[in-house]
């Protein structure tokens, strides 16, 4: 069988880009580690092996024929940092997710323009020169939420669901997903990114990494909304709940905190819970946020030190992930699609396909669902023939 001569550095780059050590990749590809090492030493492999390498590393096959490794960058500003240092190159999972969301946004923008949709006036309405309190107040106003909007809601998870729906209702595409598309073998790493915002006056989009702790997702959502109000595209760092380094990230964190727990309401609540052993839980119940967000607000307003916050944060997230692992029962497939696709976007795509304005194969690609499952998805969304 004829062998191709590729650049060894490119082959090594493809494997490392996907986050595999040699033994891990060999196990995934069901070959011996010695064969992988030989590829990366000589660059010689068959076309079938090139196809397998591209598939297992999620690398476009054309990239494997390059003369040198491709330096890939996100197409939007990257605010993922650790301390004062930028993180490494984005993974194929993050790159593919951003590109998929950009394709959805492009389609939705064109669809809305054709329908005569007016631009959304609140996108980019503010800048870093404004006060975070003013941005948070405008966010609540546009979303139709009172200052104490979550007070009458049973749990903070219910509050997160309500906020998601209000966000969607004012024209923002919103996606919660823990994997790349529907590929459960490609889980998104919350240690790489928590969320991102794609700014557009017709079809702004917010993506939340649903692999992250549920307790952090409310804050991340508010943080990404702040990006839209500032008119900024951005991939947000290791945890939007933790203190940030860049000016825009610090500003968005302040907006998110003020949006969820107004500073004027916090002192009284802090005093009322001063003797409680589970103080942050009681604060969380009052404001319908997670205990982490309550603790973060106490840090912002100088009621606790950074070390106190960090200790609580680590313990709470560890306990939450353990509780999640012990849980039984999972959401249904279509429950997942409602948040992975978004009801508003899903209905728009389904309607366009059924009306003949969009080829079904294109509709399948946009929502990541095909065939009979697409028809069931349409029915579940309430879109009839």
Protein backbone atom coordinates (compact mmCIF):
# COMPACT_ATOMS: atom_id res chain seq x y z
CA UNK A 1 0.00 0.00 0.00
CA UNK A 2 1.36 3.40 -1.01
CA UNK A 3 2.57 5.62 1.82
CA UNK A 4 2.33 9.38 1.90
CA UNK A 5 5.13 11.60 3.15
CA UNK A 6 3.84 14.20 5.63
CA UNK A 7 5.70 16.48 7.98
CA UNK A 8 6.39 14.76 11.34
CA UNK A 9 5.97 18.06 13.22
CA UNK A 10 2.48 18.44 11.77
CA UNK A 11 1.47 14.94 12.84
CA UNK A 12 2.78 15.55 16.34
CA UNK A 13 0.95 18.90 16.43
CA UNK A 14 -2.35 17.24 15.50
CA UNK A 15 -2.05 14.74 18.34
CA UNK A 16 -0.98 17.29 20.94
CA UNK A 17 -3.62 19.77 19.71
CA UNK A 18 -6.27 17.22 20.65
CA UNK A 19 -4.73 16.79 24.10
CA UNK A 20 -3.46 13.22 23.65
CA UNK A 21 -0.25 11.73 24.93
CA UNK A 22 1.12 8.96 22.67
CA UNK A 23 -0.30 6.06 24.77
CA UNK A 24 -3.73 7.75 24.98
CA UNK A 25 -3.92 8.33 21.26
CA UNK A 26 -2.75 4.81 20.48
CA UNK A 27 -5.48 3.38 22.69
CA UNK A 28 -8.14 5.56 21.07
CA UNK A 29 -6.96 4.68 17.56
CA UNK A 30 -6.55 1.01 18.52
CA UNK A 31 -2.96 0.82 17.36
CA UNK A 32 0.37 0.26 19.08
CA UNK A 33 2.19 3.28 20.56
CA UNK A 34 5.24 2.29 18.49
CA UNK A 35 3.28 2.96 15.28
CA UNK A 36 2.33 6.45 16.46
CA UNK A 37 5.97 7.19 17.30
CA UNK A 38 7.02 5.92 13.87
CA UNK A 39 4.53 8.23 12.16
CA UNK A 40 5.87 11.19 14.08
CA UNK A 41 9.45 10.24 13.32
CA UNK A 42 9.18 9.49 9.59
CA UNK A 43 5.95 11.21 8.52
CA UNK A 44 5.05 8.11 6.49
CA UNK A 45 1.49 6.75 6.65
CA UNK A 46 -1.24 5.64 4.26
CA UNK A 47 -4.16 7.83 3.25
CA UNK A 48 -6.45 5.66 5.38
CA UNK A 49 -4.23 6.30 8.37
CA UNK A 50 -4.29 10.03 7.61
CA UNK A 51 -8.09 9.90 7.62
CA UNK A 52 -8.08 8.06 10.96
CA UNK A 53 -5.64 10.59 12.44
CA UNK A 54 -7.85 13.47 11.29
CA UNK A 55 -10.95 11.81 12.73
CA UNK A 56 -9.49 10.97 16.13
CA UNK A 57 -7.85 14.37 16.61
CA UNK A 58 -10.77 16.39 15.14
CA UNK A 59 -8.34 18.00 12.71
CA UNK A 60 -9.43 19.08 9.20
CA UNK A 61 -7.67 16.59 6.94
CA UNK A 62 -6.15 19.35 4.80
CA UNK A 63 -4.28 20.67 7.83
CA UNK A 64 -2.31 17.41 8.03
CA UNK A 65 -0.76 18.07 4.60
CA UNK A 66 0.66 21.47 5.60
CA UNK A 67 4.41 22.08 5.58
CA UNK A 68 4.36 23.24 9.20
CA UNK A 69 1.90 23.18 12.11
CA UNK A 70 -0.94 25.65 11.84
CA UNK A 71 -1.12 28.34 14.51
CA UNK A 72 -4.82 28.40 15.33
CA UNK A 73 -6.43 31.33 17.05
CA UNK A 74 -9.93 32.05 18.22
CA UNK A 75 -11.80 34.41 15.94
CA UNK A 76 -12.96 36.46 18.92
CA UNK A 77 -11.02 38.07 21.81
CA UNK A 78 -9.72 35.55 24.33
CA UNK A 79 -9.89 36.60 27.99
CA UNK A 80 -8.98 33.21 29.42
CA UNK A 81 -6.11 33.83 31.81
CA UNK A 82 -4.43 32.33 34.85
CA UNK A 83 -3.02 35.10 36.97
CA UNK A 84 -1.42 37.55 34.55
CA UNK A 85 -0.70 34.96 31.87
CA UNK A 86 -2.78 33.92 28.87
CA UNK A 87 -3.69 30.25 28.67
CA UNK A 88 -2.46 27.92 25.92
CA UNK A 89 -3.84 27.42 22.45
CA UNK A 90 -7.58 26.77 22.22
CA UNK A 91 -8.61 23.13 21.95
CA UNK A 92 -10.40 21.70 18.90
CA UNK A 93 -13.51 21.45 21.08
CA UNK A 94 -13.52 25.17 21.85
CA UNK A 95 -12.66 26.13 18.26
CA UNK A 96 -15.41 23.93 16.82
CA UNK A 97 -17.96 25.20 19.33
CA UNK A 98 -17.24 28.87 18.57
CA UNK A 99 -17.37 28.21 14.82
CA UNK A 100 -20.68 26.33 15.14
CA UNK A 101 -22.22 29.18 17.12
CA UNK A 102 -20.95 31.71 14.57
CA UNK A 103 -22.65 29.75 11.77
CA UNK A 104 -25.90 29.77 13.73
CA UNK A 105 -25.56 33.47 14.37
CA UNK A 106 -24.85 34.24 10.71
CA UNK A 107 -27.93 32.31 9.60
CA UNK A 108 -30.17 33.91 12.22
CA UNK A 109 -28.92 37.41 11.37
CA UNK A 110 -29.79 36.95 7.69
CA UNK A 111 -33.16 35.44 8.60
CA UNK A 112 -34.08 38.36 10.85
CA UNK A 113 -32.95 40.98 8.34
CA UNK A 114 -35.10 39.34 5.65
CA UNK A 115 -38.05 39.50 8.04
CA UNK A 116 -37.50 43.23 8.61
CA UNK A 117 -36.22 42.91 12.17
CA UNK A 118 -34.94 46.18 13.65
CA UNK A 119 -31.47 46.19 15.27
CA UNK A 120 -31.43 45.65 19.03
CA UNK A 121 -30.71 49.04 20.59
CA UNK A 122 -29.17 47.74 23.83
CA UNK A 123 -26.24 45.92 22.17
CA UNK A 124 -23.13 48.03 22.73
CA UNK A 125 -25.15 50.73 24.48
CA UNK A 126 -22.60 51.12 27.29
CA UNK A 127 -18.81 51.34 27.66
CA UNK A 128 -16.22 50.93 30.41
CA UNK A 129 -16.71 54.63 31.16
CA UNK A 130 -20.17 53.90 32.55
CA UNK A 131 -20.92 52.70 36.06
CA UNK A 132 -21.46 48.93 36.47
CA UNK A 133 -24.59 49.76 38.51
CA UNK A 134 -26.10 51.59 35.52
CA UNK A 135 -25.39 48.70 33.17
CA UNK A 136 -26.93 46.19 35.59
CA UNK A 137 -30.02 48.38 36.01
CA UNK A 138 -30.47 48.61 32.24
CA UNK A 139 -30.06 44.85 31.89
CA UNK A 140 -32.87 44.29 34.40
CA UNK A 141 -35.04 46.88 32.66
CA UNK A 142 -34.57 45.38 29.19
CA UNK A 143 -35.18 41.88 30.51
CA UNK A 144 -38.36 42.97 32.27
CA UNK A 145 -37.03 42.06 35.73
CA UNK A 146 -37.46 43.96 38.98
CA UNK A 147 -34.54 44.57 41.36
CA UNK A 148 -35.72 41.67 43.55
CA UNK A 149 -36.99 39.64 40.58
CA UNK A 150 -35.93 36.28 42.00
CA UNK A 151 -37.40 36.71 45.49
CA UNK A 152 -40.61 34.79 44.80
CA UNK A 153 -38.93 31.91 42.95
CA UNK A 154 -38.49 28.62 44.80
CA UNK A 155 -34.87 27.80 43.93
CA UNK A 156 -31.91 29.39 42.21
CA UNK A 157 -32.08 26.70 39.53
CA UNK A 158 -35.62 27.86 38.77
CA UNK A 159 -34.30 31.42 38.74
CA UNK A 160 -31.66 30.40 36.18
CA UNK A 161 -34.38 28.89 33.99
CA UNK A 162 -36.46 32.06 34.24
CA UNK A 163 -33.49 34.25 33.40
CA UNK A 164 -32.67 32.08 30.37
CA UNK A 165 -36.20 32.51 29.05
CA UNK A 166 -36.21 36.27 29.58
CA UNK A 167 -32.87 36.53 27.79
CA UNK A 168 -34.25 34.59 24.85
CA UNK A 169 -37.45 36.66 24.76
CA UNK A 170 -35.60 39.94 24.10
CA UNK A 171 -33.82 38.56 21.04
CA UNK A 172 -30.63 36.98 22.42
CA UNK A 173 -29.73 33.47 21.27
CA UNK A 174 -28.70 31.46 24.31
CA UNK A 175 -27.11 28.03 24.41
CA UNK A 176 -26.21 25.78 27.33
CA UNK A 177 -24.15 22.77 26.27
CA UNK A 178 -21.61 20.47 27.90
CA UNK A 179 -20.39 18.78 24.69
CA UNK A 180 -19.46 19.70 21.13
CA UNK A 181 -22.84 19.68 19.37
CA UNK A 182 -24.41 16.38 20.39
CA UNK A 183 -21.15 14.42 20.48
CA UNK A 184 -21.02 13.04 24.01
CA UNK A 185 -17.44 11.83 23.46
CA UNK A 186 -16.29 15.45 23.13
CA UNK A 187 -17.07 16.95 26.53
CA UNK A 188 -16.31 20.63 26.95
CA UNK A 189 -13.75 21.30 29.67
CA UNK A 190 -14.83 23.93 32.22
CA UNK A 191 -11.16 24.35 33.07
CA UNK A 192 -10.66 25.71 29.55
CA UNK A 193 -13.58 28.12 29.31
CA UNK A 194 -16.84 28.96 31.09
CA UNK A 195 -18.71 30.79 28.35
CA UNK A 196 -18.51 33.27 25.51
CA UNK A 197 -20.49 36.08 23.91
CA UNK A 198 -20.88 36.80 20.19
CA UNK A 199 -22.00 40.37 19.75
CA UNK A 200 -24.38 41.36 16.94
CA UNK A 201 -27.18 43.92 16.78
CA UNK A 202 -29.56 41.42 15.14
CA UNK A 203 -28.62 38.04 16.61
CA UNK A 204 -26.43 38.36 19.71
CA UNK A 205 -25.49 34.99 21.17
CA UNK A 206 -24.41 33.76 24.60
CA UNK A 207 -22.92 30.30 25.11
CA UNK A 208 -22.63 28.77 28.59
CA UNK A 209 -20.44 25.72 29.20
CA UNK A 210 -22.90 23.39 30.91
CA UNK A 211 -20.06 21.15 32.09
CA UNK A 212 -19.34 23.85 34.64
CA UNK A 213 -20.76 23.75 38.15
CA UNK A 214 -24.43 24.71 38.12
CA UNK A 215 -23.71 27.15 40.91
CA UNK A 216 -21.40 29.14 38.63
CA UNK A 217 -23.61 29.21 35.52
CA UNK A 218 -25.92 31.98 36.77
CA UNK A 219 -22.98 34.32 37.30
CA UNK A 220 -21.42 33.34 33.95
CA UNK A 221 -24.69 34.11 32.16
CA UNK A 222 -24.95 37.55 33.76
CA UNK A 223 -21.27 38.13 32.96
CA UNK A 224 -21.72 37.27 29.26
CA UNK A 225 -24.80 39.50 29.06
CA UNK A 226 -22.64 42.34 30.31
CA UNK A 227 -20.32 41.70 27.35
CA UNK A 228 -23.25 42.23 24.99
CA UNK A 229 -24.30 45.46 26.70
CA UNK A 230 -20.70 46.64 26.17
CA UNK A 231 -20.70 45.45 22.55
CA UNK A 232 -17.83 43.00 23.12
CA UNK A 233 -17.14 39.57 21.67
CA UNK A 234 -15.27 37.48 24.22
CA UNK A 235 -14.38 34.02 25.47
CA UNK A 236 -14.45 34.22 29.25
CA UNK A 237 -11.80 32.81 31.51
CA UNK A 238 -11.38 29.88 33.78
CA UNK A 239 -14.18 31.01 36.01
CA UNK A 240 -16.19 34.18 35.66
CA UNK A 241 -17.09 33.75 39.32
CA UNK A 242 -13.46 34.29 40.35
CA UNK A 243 -11.72 37.69 40.32
CA UNK A 244 -10.44 38.67 36.86
CA UNK A 245 -7.41 40.52 35.52
CA UNK A 246 -8.44 42.50 32.42
CA UNK A 247 -10.39 45.76 32.76
CA UNK A 248 -13.33 44.54 30.72
CA UNK A 249 -13.56 41.26 32.67
CA UNK A 250 -13.42 43.07 35.99
CA UNK A 251 -16.12 45.43 34.78
CA UNK A 252 -18.36 42.59 33.56
CA UNK A 253 -17.91 40.78 36.88
CA UNK A 254 -19.05 43.91 38.72
CA UNK A 255 -22.07 44.22 36.44
CA UNK A 256 -22.97 40.56 36.96
CA UNK A 257 -22.66 40.83 40.74
CA UNK A 258 -24.79 43.99 40.85
CA UNK A 259 -27.36 42.44 38.52
CA UNK A 260 -27.78 39.39 40.75
CA UNK A 261 -27.35 41.00 44.20
CA UNK A 262 -27.74 44.81 44.28
CA UNK A 263 -25.24 46.42 46.65
CA UNK A 264 -27.94 48.42 48.42
CA UNK A 265 -29.74 45.23 49.47
CA UNK A 266 -26.73 43.29 50.71
CA UNK A 267 -25.80 44.95 54.07
CA UNK A 268 -29.14 44.21 55.69
CA UNK A 269 -29.09 40.60 54.49
CA UNK A 270 -25.51 40.18 55.72
CA UNK A 271 -26.42 41.42 59.19
CA UNK A 272 -29.51 39.20 59.37
CA UNK A 273 -27.42 36.10 58.67
CA UNK A 274 -24.41 36.93 60.87
CA UNK A 275 -25.10 34.12 63.38
CA UNK A 276 -25.93 31.46 60.79
CA UNK A 277 -23.45 28.63 60.28
CA UNK A 278 -24.74 28.24 56.71
CA UNK A 279 -24.66 31.96 56.05
CA UNK A 280 -24.07 31.80 52.28
CA UNK A 281 -26.86 29.28 51.84
CA UNK A 282 -29.29 31.61 53.61
CA UNK A 283 -28.12 34.57 51.54
CA UNK A 284 -28.47 32.45 48.41
CA UNK A 285 -32.07 31.55 49.28
CA UNK A 286 -32.94 35.20 49.82
CA UNK A 287 -31.52 36.40 46.49
CA UNK A 288 -32.15 33.14 44.58
CA UNK A 289 -28.56 32.78 43.52
CA UNK A 290 -26.08 30.04 44.31
CA UNK A 291 -24.11 30.18 47.59
CA UNK A 292 -21.00 30.82 45.48
CA UNK A 293 -22.50 33.99 44.02
CA UNK A 294 -23.52 35.12 47.52
CA UNK A 295 -19.97 34.56 48.76
CA UNK A 296 -18.55 36.33 45.72
CA UNK A 297 -20.75 39.37 46.46
CA UNK A 298 -19.51 39.42 50.06
CA UNK A 299 -15.96 39.50 48.67
CA UNK A 300 -16.76 42.33 46.24
CA UNK A 301 -18.24 44.44 49.01
CA UNK A 302 -15.31 43.74 51.37
CA UNK A 303 -17.20 41.69 53.93
CA UNK A 304 -14.77 38.77 53.58
CA UNK A 305 -11.18 38.29 52.40
CA UNK A 306 -10.10 36.65 49.18
CA UNK A 307 -8.70 33.69 51.13
CA UNK A 308 -12.03 33.17 52.88
CA UNK A 309 -13.84 33.24 49.55
CA UNK A 310 -11.37 30.86 47.90
CA UNK A 311 -11.66 28.31 50.70
CA UNK A 312 -15.46 28.35 50.54
CA UNK A 313 -15.43 28.23 46.73
CA UNK A 314 -13.21 25.14 46.54
CA UNK A 315 -15.20 23.23 49.15
CA UNK A 316 -18.57 24.10 47.64
CA UNK A 317 -17.65 23.15 44.06
CA UNK A 318 -16.09 19.89 45.26
CA UNK A 319 -19.29 19.01 47.13
CA UNK A 320 -21.47 20.01 44.19
CA UNK A 321 -19.66 17.80 41.69
CA UNK A 322 -19.80 14.89 44.15
CA UNK A 323 -23.55 15.39 44.58
CA UNK A 324 -23.93 15.53 40.81
CA UNK A 325 -22.06 12.23 40.43
CA UNK A 326 -24.39 10.62 42.99
CA UNK A 327 -27.57 11.85 41.27
CA UNK A 328 -29.80 9.39 39.49
CA UNK A 329 -31.88 10.20 36.46
CA UNK A 330 -31.06 12.36 33.46
CA UNK A 331 -32.97 14.93 31.42
CA UNK A 332 -34.66 13.62 28.29
CA UNK A 333 -33.04 14.01 24.89
CA UNK A 334 -35.42 16.77 23.86
CA UNK A 335 -35.06 18.57 27.19
CA UNK A 336 -31.35 18.75 26.39
CA UNK A 337 -32.02 20.02 22.86
CA UNK A 338 -34.11 22.89 24.21
CA UNK A 339 -31.03 24.32 25.90
CA UNK A 340 -28.42 23.08 23.43
CA UNK A 341 -30.22 24.64 20.47
CA UNK A 342 -32.52 27.18 22.10
CA UNK A 343 -36.25 27.27 21.48
CA UNK A 344 -36.22 30.53 19.54
CA UNK A 345 -33.43 29.49 17.19
CA UNK A 346 -34.85 25.98 16.83
CA UNK A 347 -38.30 27.25 15.86
CA UNK A 348 -36.81 29.64 13.33
CA UNK A 349 -34.79 26.90 11.62
CA UNK A 350 -37.65 24.38 11.65
CA UNK A 351 -40.11 26.92 10.26
CA UNK A 352 -37.72 27.96 7.48
CA UNK A 353 -37.21 24.31 6.48
CA UNK A 354 -40.92 23.49 6.50
CA UNK A 355 -41.71 26.61 4.46
CA UNK A 356 -39.11 25.67 1.85
CA UNK A 357 -36.84 28.64 2.54
CA UNK A 358 -34.07 26.40 3.90
CA UNK A 359 -32.87 23.03 2.63
CA UNK A 360 -33.43 20.29 5.15
CA UNK A 361 -29.79 19.22 5.04
CA UNK A 362 -28.82 22.77 5.98
CA UNK A 363 -31.39 22.79 8.78
CA UNK A 364 -29.97 19.49 10.06
CA UNK A 365 -26.47 21.01 10.15
CA UNK A 366 -27.61 24.15 11.95
CA UNK A 367 -29.34 22.37 14.84
CA UNK A 368 -27.24 19.20 14.85
CA UNK A 369 -30.30 16.95 14.53
CA UNK A 370 -31.41 15.03 11.43
CA UNK A 371 -34.01 12.69 9.97
CA UNK A 372 -36.96 11.51 12.02
CA UNK A 373 -35.41 13.00 15.15
CA UNK A 374 -35.60 16.43 13.52
CA UNK A 375 -39.35 15.94 12.95
CA UNK A 376 -39.81 14.92 16.59
CA UNK A 377 -37.79 17.95 17.66
CA UNK A 378 -40.06 20.18 15.55
CA UNK A 379 -43.14 18.67 17.19
CA UNK A 380 -41.61 19.07 20.64
CA UNK A 381 -41.10 22.78 19.86
CA UNK A 382 -44.72 23.09 18.81
CA UNK A 383 -43.97 23.68 15.11
CA UNK A 384 -46.58 21.80 13.10
CA UNK A 385 -46.62 21.07 9.37
